[in-house]
Amino acid sequence: MTEEWTKEAVVEVILKNLRENLYDVDTETIDPKSSMKDHGANSLDVIEVVSATMRELEIRVPRSELTQIENIEQLAEKFMEYL
């Protein structure tokens, strides 16, 4: 089953996983140009959100390619390269 992903859909998956890991964050008001840390995520939260999103999208992105990611939108763009 192949699913066509848009960047907006990938952002929604990231936000869903962010919501599941940070209970006090309002993902309805998150600007994709902001970082997860801007919304209170610590390093472990970020790793869990990234890992959960990759599992859901059924992709593997090398860690070395994630080090320069600064915000949610850039993360979605990187994930799009692997879909």
Protein backbone atom coordinates (compact mmCIF):
# COMPACT_ATOMS: atom_id res chain seq x y z
CA MET A 1 0.00 0.00 0.00
CA THR A 2 1.67 3.17 -1.19
CA GLU A 3 0.45 6.43 0.21
CA GLU A 4 1.11 9.81 -1.39
CA TRP A 5 2.39 12.19 1.25
CA THR A 6 2.25 15.97 1.13
CA LYS A 7 4.49 18.14 3.30
CA GLU A 8 1.37 19.32 5.15
CA ALA A 9 0.41 15.72 5.93
CA VAL A 10 3.93 15.00 7.20
CA VAL A 11 3.75 18.11 9.42
CA GLU A 12 0.44 16.80 10.82
CA VAL A 13 2.08 13.45 11.70
CA ILE A 14 4.92 15.30 13.44
CA LEU A 15 2.41 17.45 15.38
CA LYS A 16 0.38 14.37 16.35
CA ASN A 17 3.50 12.73 17.77
CA LEU A 18 4.48 15.98 19.48
CA ARG A 19 1.03 16.13 21.07
CA GLU A 20 1.38 12.53 22.29
CA ASN A 21 4.76 13.26 23.91
CA LEU A 22 4.13 16.76 25.29
CA TYR A 23 0.79 16.76 27.02
CA ASP A 24 0.64 20.49 27.71
CA VAL A 25 1.35 21.69 24.15
CA ASP A 26 -1.39 23.15 21.96
CA THR A 27 -0.45 21.81 18.53
CA GLU A 28 -3.26 23.80 16.92
CA THR A 29 -1.25 27.00 17.40
CA ILE A 30 2.22 25.69 16.53
CA ASP A 31 3.97 27.46 13.68
CA PRO A 32 5.89 24.85 11.61
CA LYS A 33 8.73 27.40 11.41
CA SER A 34 9.25 27.00 15.17
CA SER A 35 11.29 24.25 16.78
CA MET A 36 9.93 21.58 19.10
CA LYS A 37 12.18 23.01 21.82
CA ASP A 38 10.34 26.34 21.45
CA HIS A 39 7.32 24.45 22.77
CA GLY A 40 9.03 22.85 25.75
CA ALA A 41 10.38 19.64 24.23
CA ASN A 42 13.65 18.41 25.68
CA SER A 43 16.21 16.34 23.74
CA LEU A 44 14.55 13.03 24.64
CA ASP A 45 11.14 14.35 23.60
CA VAL A 46 12.54 15.42 20.23
CA ILE A 47 14.13 11.99 19.70
CA GLU A 48 10.88 10.24 20.56
CA VAL A 49 8.81 12.48 18.25
CA VAL A 50 11.29 11.99 15.38
CA SER A 51 11.45 8.22 15.93
CA ALA A 52 7.69 7.81 16.21
CA THR A 53 7.16 9.88 13.08
CA MET A 54 9.70 7.85 11.09
CA ARG A 55 8.00 4.61 12.22
CA GLU A 56 4.62 5.93 11.15
CA LEU A 57 5.94 7.11 7.78
CA GLU A 58 7.91 3.86 7.39
CA ILE A 59 11.18 5.65 6.61
CA ARG A 60 14.71 5.73 8.02
CA VAL A 61 16.68 8.96 7.98
CA PRO A 62 20.34 8.82 9.03
CA ARG A 63 20.94 10.69 12.26
CA SER A 64 23.72 12.67 10.60
CA GLU A 65 21.12 14.23 8.29
CA LEU A 66 18.98 15.38 11.21
CA THR A 67 21.63 17.35 13.09
CA GLN A 68 21.15 20.59 11.16
CA ILE A 69 17.34 20.58 11.36
CA GLU A 70 16.15 23.73 13.13
CA ASN A 71 12.36 23.59 12.95
CA ILE A 72 9.33 21.41 12.28
CA GLU A 73 9.03 22.52 8.65
CA GLN A 74 12.66 21.56 7.91
CA LEU A 75 12.08 18.19 9.57
CA ALA A 76 9.05 17.60 7.35
CA GLU A 77 11.07 18.57 4.28
CA LYS A 78 13.82 16.10 5.25
CA PHE A 79 11.25 13.35 5.76
CA MET A 80 9.76 14.13 2.33
CA GLU A 81 13.15 13.30 0.76
CA TYR A 82 12.75 9.73 2.05
CA LEU A 83 9.11 9.15 1.16
